[in-house]
């Protein structure tokens, strides 16, 4: 389970191996540390004891702080041994075929999951809205056509040229995907099409997506740290001191299955109609979104012949990236 701290004034401490939460001096929650996977902080004004920090580090339970916009700010966890050889291999792989294959597979996983989500939407509307179902089925075929072209792409043509073509195909598939989503959401919520954070969107769907994408980035960042990889040395996304490129890479195949499904479901249930104050999410809305996100992470799905919570698959995928870099495993993107 995740302990989510979302209210100012709370004090989180420990007593007898238990994590305790107090509000105005009164204990409101007590939970064994063995049952907690992470402590997530979504608010200002909460405080944490040094004894708690020791207990969490001893049990390797991360304490993760997020901004009010979902941006992961700080991850506190116990020290772990690093892998110098793994990181050296990671840097070497960036311009070689082994790294370009990873870039191609990250994009392929994303496209497959985009087509899968569109297909699910289409099937659900074949009776209630046949014209929309037909439009969505056409979008599925278009995305899968782009995916086939990606799969045929040769990784021997030079790093810059290959990466540029992957990104071009990814953008082409994304345009089709988001147009299909816009058509599907048309009758339930105002969604003008995909708008990223720097485009300053004012509709609830884009603001919710941007918030949970940042939360997803925090999850992937933690997994990268656990596995001993450099979060800033990516394969699909270019290196930048302001953006952890490998984290962005690993997010791609989980965006649709973790974030998009959650936000679209809430939109179809008409639960996003009153979540904004201006262009920002209300405090209660952030908690609703995070709770739905956490429930999705805890959902067990079957991938690679293993039925596990999605959060476990995310960690395993990161480990498989490391194994791929070391030449011990052929990476397969996460798809449902």
Protein backbone atom coordinates (compact mmCIF):
# COMPACT_ATOMS: atom_id res chain seq x y z
CA UNK A 1 0.00 0.00 0.00
CA UNK A 2 0.97 3.65 -0.38
CA UNK A 3 0.67 6.12 2.45
CA UNK A 4 -0.45 9.40 0.85
CA UNK A 5 0.01 12.61 2.83
CA UNK A 6 -2.33 15.19 1.30
CA UNK A 7 -3.25 17.56 4.14
CA UNK A 8 -1.25 20.40 5.75
CA UNK A 9 -0.56 20.13 9.45
CA UNK A 10 -0.08 16.37 9.59
CA UNK A 11 2.84 14.94 11.53
CA UNK A 12 4.18 11.58 10.39
CA UNK A 13 6.36 9.72 12.86
CA UNK A 14 6.96 6.25 14.20
CA UNK A 15 6.36 4.21 17.31
CA UNK A 16 7.39 0.61 17.90
CA UNK A 17 8.03 -0.12 14.24
CA UNK A 18 4.73 1.44 13.21
CA UNK A 19 4.25 4.50 11.03
CA UNK A 20 1.98 6.94 12.83
CA UNK A 21 0.09 9.97 11.52
CA UNK A 22 -1.05 12.70 13.89
CA UNK A 23 -3.31 15.68 13.35
CA UNK A 24 -3.29 18.41 16.01
CA UNK A 25 -1.63 16.03 18.43
CA UNK A 26 -4.21 13.28 17.95
CA UNK A 27 -3.24 10.02 16.29
CA UNK A 28 -5.40 9.41 13.21
CA UNK A 29 -3.56 6.48 11.60
CA UNK A 30 -1.13 3.76 12.54
CA UNK A 31 0.19 1.23 10.05
CA UNK A 32 3.03 -1.34 10.10
CA UNK A 33 6.00 -0.26 7.99
CA UNK A 34 6.07 -3.74 6.40
CA UNK A 35 2.72 -2.99 4.71
CA UNK A 36 3.87 0.31 3.16
CA UNK A 37 5.53 0.39 -0.27
CA UNK A 38 6.02 4.17 -0.38
CA UNK A 39 5.14 7.35 1.48
CA UNK A 40 3.88 9.94 -1.02
CA UNK A 41 3.64 13.62 -0.09
CA UNK A 42 1.26 15.75 -2.17
CA UNK A 43 1.01 18.78 0.12
CA UNK A 44 2.98 21.48 1.88
CA UNK A 45 2.93 21.95 5.63
CA UNK A 46 3.33 18.33 6.70
CA UNK A 47 6.25 17.29 8.91
CA UNK A 48 8.22 14.08 9.34
CA UNK A 49 10.34 12.85 12.23
CA UNK A 50 13.99 11.81 11.90
CA UNK A 51 13.02 8.48 13.50
CA UNK A 52 10.60 7.93 10.64
CA UNK A 53 13.33 8.62 8.09
CA UNK A 54 15.56 6.03 9.75
CA UNK A 55 12.74 3.47 9.79
CA UNK A 56 11.89 4.05 6.12
CA UNK A 57 15.53 3.82 5.02
CA UNK A 58 16.01 0.62 7.03
CA UNK A 59 13.07 -1.00 5.23
CA UNK A 60 13.93 0.62 1.86
CA UNK A 61 10.60 2.46 1.71
CA UNK A 62 10.94 5.66 -0.40
CA UNK A 63 9.56 9.01 0.73
CA UNK A 64 8.54 10.92 -2.41
CA UNK A 65 7.63 14.61 -2.52
CA UNK A 66 5.55 16.05 -5.37
CA UNK A 67 4.74 19.64 -6.27
CA UNK A 68 1.13 20.78 -6.50
CA UNK A 69 1.43 20.26 -10.27
CA UNK A 70 2.52 16.62 -9.92
CA UNK A 71 6.22 17.28 -10.50
CA UNK A 72 8.45 14.89 -8.52
CA UNK A 73 10.69 17.11 -6.41
CA UNK A 74 12.56 14.80 -4.07
CA UNK A 75 12.99 11.08 -3.43
CA UNK A 76 14.39 10.05 -0.05
CA UNK A 77 15.50 6.46 0.23
CA UNK A 78 18.26 4.34 1.74
CA UNK A 79 21.68 4.17 0.09
CA UNK A 80 22.19 1.37 -2.42
CA UNK A 81 25.24 0.09 -4.22
CA UNK A 82 25.84 1.49 -7.70
CA UNK A 83 26.96 -0.30 -10.82
CA UNK A 84 29.84 1.44 -12.57
CA UNK A 85 29.96 -1.15 -15.36
CA UNK A 86 26.23 -0.82 -16.06
CA UNK A 87 26.43 2.94 -16.40
CA UNK A 88 29.48 2.72 -18.64
CA UNK A 89 27.59 0.29 -20.87
CA UNK A 90 24.58 2.62 -20.83
CA UNK A 91 26.63 5.57 -22.10
CA UNK A 92 28.32 3.42 -24.76
CA UNK A 93 24.95 2.09 -25.96
CA UNK A 94 23.48 5.51 -26.68
CA UNK A 95 25.02 5.79 -30.15
CA UNK A 96 25.11 2.09 -30.99
CA UNK A 97 22.62 -0.39 -32.39
CA UNK A 98 21.82 -1.80 -28.92
CA UNK A 99 20.63 1.64 -27.81
CA UNK A 100 18.80 2.42 -31.04
CA UNK A 101 16.90 -0.85 -30.70
CA UNK A 102 15.75 0.30 -27.28
CA UNK A 103 14.61 3.64 -28.70
CA UNK A 104 12.67 1.82 -31.41
CA UNK A 105 11.09 -0.58 -28.90
CA UNK A 106 10.04 2.19 -26.52
CA UNK A 107 8.22 3.92 -29.38
CA UNK A 108 6.76 0.63 -30.65
CA UNK A 109 5.34 -0.17 -27.21
CA UNK A 110 3.74 3.25 -27.04
CA UNK A 111 2.14 2.90 -30.49
CA UNK A 112 0.83 -0.58 -29.75
CA UNK A 113 -0.78 0.60 -26.53
CA UNK A 114 -2.26 3.61 -28.30
CA UNK A 115 -3.90 1.33 -30.86
CA UNK A 116 -5.03 -1.02 -28.09
CA UNK A 117 -6.77 1.77 -26.18
CA UNK A 118 -8.43 3.12 -29.32
CA UNK A 119 -9.60 -0.40 -30.17
CA UNK A 120 -11.13 -0.79 -26.72
CA UNK A 121 -12.98 2.51 -27.16
CA UNK A 122 -14.21 1.42 -30.58
CA UNK A 123 -15.53 -1.94 -29.36
CA UNK A 124 -17.41 -0.26 -26.53
CA UNK A 125 -19.24 1.99 -29.00
CA UNK A 126 -20.13 -0.43 -31.77
CA UNK A 127 -23.74 -0.58 -30.55
CA UNK A 128 -24.22 2.80 -28.88
CA UNK A 129 -22.46 4.95 -31.51
CA UNK A 130 -21.59 3.06 -34.75
CA UNK A 131 -20.23 6.15 -36.63
CA UNK A 132 -17.81 6.88 -33.79
CA UNK A 133 -16.84 3.21 -33.57
CA UNK A 134 -16.04 3.22 -37.29
CA UNK A 135 -13.92 6.35 -36.94
CA UNK A 136 -12.00 4.81 -34.02
CA UNK A 137 -11.42 1.54 -35.89
CA UNK A 138 -9.95 3.58 -38.76
CA UNK A 139 -7.67 5.33 -36.27
CA UNK A 140 -6.55 1.92 -34.97
CA UNK A 141 -5.62 0.84 -38.49
CA UNK A 142 -3.72 4.08 -39.08
CA UNK A 143 -1.69 3.77 -35.88
CA UNK A 144 -0.89 0.13 -36.63
CA UNK A 145 0.21 1.11 -40.12
CA UNK A 146 2.69 3.57 -38.62
CA UNK A 147 3.80 0.86 -36.18
CA UNK A 148 4.59 -1.51 -39.06
CA UNK A 149 6.72 1.15 -40.70
CA UNK A 150 8.56 1.63 -37.43
CA UNK A 151 9.18 -2.11 -37.09
CA UNK A 152 10.73 -2.13 -40.58
CA UNK A 153 13.13 0.68 -39.68
CA UNK A 154 16.77 -0.39 -39.85
CA UNK A 155 18.92 0.55 -36.86
CA UNK A 156 22.16 0.40 -38.85
CA UNK A 157 21.75 3.78 -40.61
CA UNK A 158 23.38 6.02 -37.99
CA UNK A 159 22.16 7.13 -34.60
CA UNK A 160 20.93 10.64 -35.40
CA UNK A 161 19.10 9.61 -38.58
CA UNK A 162 17.40 6.61 -36.94
CA UNK A 163 16.35 8.53 -33.83
CA UNK A 164 14.96 11.36 -35.96
CA UNK A 165 12.87 8.90 -37.99
CA UNK A 166 11.59 7.16 -34.84
CA UNK A 167 10.47 10.48 -33.40
CA UNK A 168 8.81 11.45 -36.68
CA UNK A 169 6.83 8.22 -36.78
CA UNK A 170 5.97 8.54 -33.10
CA UNK A 171 4.58 12.04 -33.72
CA UNK A 172 2.56 10.78 -36.71
CA UNK A 173 0.94 8.04 -34.63
CA UNK A 174 0.31 10.48 -31.77
CA UNK A 175 -1.63 12.84 -34.04
CA UNK A 176 -3.95 10.03 -35.08
CA UNK A 177 -4.32 8.77 -31.51
CA UNK A 178 -5.18 12.12 -29.97
CA UNK A 179 -7.61 13.00 -32.73
CA UNK A 180 -9.41 9.71 -32.07
CA UNK A 181 -9.48 10.45 -28.34
CA UNK A 182 -10.85 13.92 -29.03
CA UNK A 183 -13.69 12.45 -31.07
CA UNK A 184 -14.44 9.87 -28.36
CA UNK A 185 -14.57 12.50 -25.59
CA UNK A 186 -16.51 15.04 -27.62
CA UNK A 187 -19.90 14.34 -26.01
CA UNK A 188 -18.77 14.19 -22.39
CA UNK A 189 -16.09 16.85 -21.82
CA UNK A 190 -14.34 19.77 -23.47
CA UNK A 191 -11.13 18.35 -24.95
CA UNK A 192 -9.56 20.43 -27.74
CA UNK A 193 -6.87 17.85 -28.46
CA UNK A 194 -3.59 17.14 -26.72
CA UNK A 195 -1.94 20.16 -25.08
CA UNK A 196 1.29 19.73 -23.15
CA UNK A 197 2.17 21.60 -19.97
CA UNK A 198 4.21 24.31 -21.74
CA UNK A 199 1.15 25.03 -23.93
CA UNK A 200 -0.72 26.11 -20.77
CA UNK A 201 -3.95 24.12 -21.30
CA UNK A 202 -7.15 25.19 -19.56
CA UNK A 203 -9.32 22.09 -20.08
CA UNK A 204 -9.65 19.43 -17.34
CA UNK A 205 -8.50 16.48 -19.46
CA UNK A 206 -5.16 17.97 -20.47
CA UNK A 207 -4.48 19.39 -17.02
CA UNK A 208 -5.24 15.98 -15.48
CA UNK A 209 -3.07 14.16 -18.04
CA UNK A 210 -0.15 16.52 -17.44
CA UNK A 211 -0.45 16.09 -13.67
CA UNK A 212 -0.46 12.29 -13.77
CA UNK A 213 2.29 12.11 -16.41
CA UNK A 214 4.53 13.92 -13.93
CA UNK A 215 3.50 11.50 -11.19
CA UNK A 216 4.27 8.60 -13.54
CA UNK A 217 7.68 10.18 -14.19
CA UNK A 218 8.35 10.07 -10.45
CA UNK A 219 7.55 6.35 -10.37
CA UNK A 220 9.86 5.64 -13.31
CA UNK A 221 12.62 7.80 -11.83
CA UNK A 222 12.54 5.77 -8.63
CA UNK A 223 12.76 2.50 -10.58
CA UNK A 224 15.73 3.79 -12.59
CA UNK A 225 17.54 4.73 -9.37
CA UNK A 226 16.80 1.32 -7.83
CA UNK A 227 18.25 -0.45 -10.88
CA UNK A 228 21.45 1.60 -10.90
CA UNK A 229 20.92 3.32 -14.26
CA UNK A 230 21.58 6.98 -15.05
CA UNK A 231 18.14 8.65 -15.36
CA UNK A 232 19.54 11.40 -17.62
CA UNK A 233 21.14 9.19 -20.28
CA UNK A 234 18.32 8.17 -22.60
CA UNK A 235 18.00 6.42 -25.93
CA UNK A 236 14.86 7.86 -27.54
CA UNK A 237 14.83 11.28 -25.88
CA UNK A 238 17.89 13.49 -26.17
CA UNK A 239 20.14 14.17 -23.18
CA UNK A 240 19.27 17.29 -21.20
CA UNK A 241 20.30 18.43 -17.69
CA UNK A 242 16.71 19.62 -17.17
CA UNK A 243 14.95 16.42 -18.19
CA UNK A 244 15.73 12.80 -17.20
CA UNK A 245 15.76 11.33 -20.70
CA UNK A 246 15.81 7.65 -19.70
CA UNK A 247 12.83 8.24 -17.39
CA UNK A 248 10.96 9.79 -20.33
CA UNK A 249 11.90 6.75 -22.44
CA UNK A 250 10.55 4.27 -19.90
CA UNK A 251 7.34 6.22 -19.47
CA UNK A 252 6.34 5.86 -23.11
CA UNK A 253 4.95 2.32 -22.97
CA UNK A 254 3.09 3.01 -19.70
CA UNK A 255 1.41 6.33 -20.52
CA UNK A 256 -1.66 4.80 -22.13
CA UNK A 257 -2.08 1.82 -19.80
CA UNK A 258 -1.56 3.77 -16.58
CA UNK A 259 -2.44 7.45 -17.08
CA UNK A 260 -4.63 7.72 -20.19
CA UNK A 261 -6.99 4.93 -19.13
CA UNK A 262 -7.44 6.54 -15.72
CA UNK A 263 -8.12 10.04 -17.03
CA UNK A 264 -10.40 8.91 -19.85
CA UNK A 265 -12.42 6.72 -17.48
CA UNK A 266 -12.94 9.64 -15.11
CA UNK A 267 -13.91 11.82 -18.07
CA UNK A 268 -16.48 9.29 -19.35
CA UNK A 269 -17.87 9.03 -15.80
CA UNK A 270 -18.17 12.86 -15.86
CA UNK A 271 -15.92 13.24 -12.82
CA UNK A 272 -13.70 15.91 -14.38
CA UNK A 273 -16.35 18.62 -14.68
CA UNK A 274 -15.35 20.54 -11.53
CA UNK A 275 -11.67 19.83 -10.92
CA UNK A 276 -10.04 23.14 -11.88
CA UNK A 277 -9.42 26.46 -10.19
CA UNK A 278 -8.45 28.61 -13.12
CA UNK A 279 -5.88 26.48 -14.93
CA UNK A 280 -4.84 24.41 -11.87
CA UNK A 281 -6.23 21.31 -10.23
CA UNK A 282 -8.05 21.69 -6.93
CA UNK A 283 -6.52 19.93 -3.92
CA UNK A 284 -9.37 17.39 -3.75
CA UNK A 285 -9.06 16.74 -7.48
CA UNK A 286 -5.36 15.95 -7.13
CA UNK A 287 -6.21 13.38 -4.48
CA UNK A 288 -8.95 11.83 -6.66
CA UNK A 289 -6.54 11.56 -9.57
CA UNK A 290 -3.71 10.16 -7.49
CA UNK A 291 -5.99 7.59 -5.83
CA UNK A 292 -7.21 6.39 -9.24
CA UNK A 293 -3.61 6.32 -10.49
CA UNK A 294 -2.46 4.25 -7.48
CA UNK A 295 -5.36 1.83 -7.94
CA UNK A 296 -4.34 1.35 -11.56
CA UNK A 297 -0.73 0.69 -10.53
CA UNK A 298 -1.96 -1.96 -8.10
CA UNK A 299 -4.07 -3.68 -10.78
CA UNK A 300 -2.69 -7.10 -11.71
CA UNK A 301 -2.26 -7.74 -15.43
CA UNK A 302 -0.56 -10.52 -17.38
CA UNK A 303 2.52 -9.62 -19.39
CA UNK A 304 5.40 -11.88 -20.38
CA UNK A 305 3.48 -14.82 -18.88
CA UNK A 306 3.47 -13.23 -15.41
CA UNK A 307 0.42 -11.84 -13.61
CA UNK A 308 1.64 -8.95 -11.45
CA UNK A 309 0.56 -5.46 -10.41
CA UNK A 310 1.46 -2.92 -13.06
CA UNK A 311 3.86 -1.26 -10.61
CA UNK A 312 5.85 -4.52 -10.45
CA UNK A 313 5.90 -4.78 -14.24
CA UNK A 314 7.29 -1.22 -14.36
CA UNK A 315 10.19 -2.15 -12.10
CA UNK A 316 10.83 -5.38 -14.03
CA UNK A 317 10.87 -3.47 -17.33
CA UNK A 318 13.53 -1.15 -15.95
CA UNK A 319 15.61 -4.14 -14.88
CA UNK A 320 15.15 -5.62 -18.36
CA UNK A 321 16.51 -2.41 -19.88
CA UNK A 322 19.62 -2.90 -17.76
CA UNK A 323 19.87 -6.54 -18.85
CA UNK A 324 19.45 -5.49 -22.50
CA UNK A 325 22.26 -2.95 -22.16
CA UNK A 326 24.52 -5.60 -20.63
CA UNK A 327 23.75 -7.97 -23.52
CA UNK A 328 21.96 -10.56 -21.38
CA UNK A 329 18.36 -9.99 -22.52
CA UNK A 330 16.43 -8.88 -25.59
CA UNK A 331 14.08 -6.16 -24.43
CA UNK A 332 10.36 -6.51 -25.16
CA UNK A 333 8.11 -3.47 -24.57
CA UNK A 334 5.23 -3.63 -22.10
CA UNK A 335 1.98 -4.03 -24.04
CA UNK A 336 -1.57 -5.07 -23.19
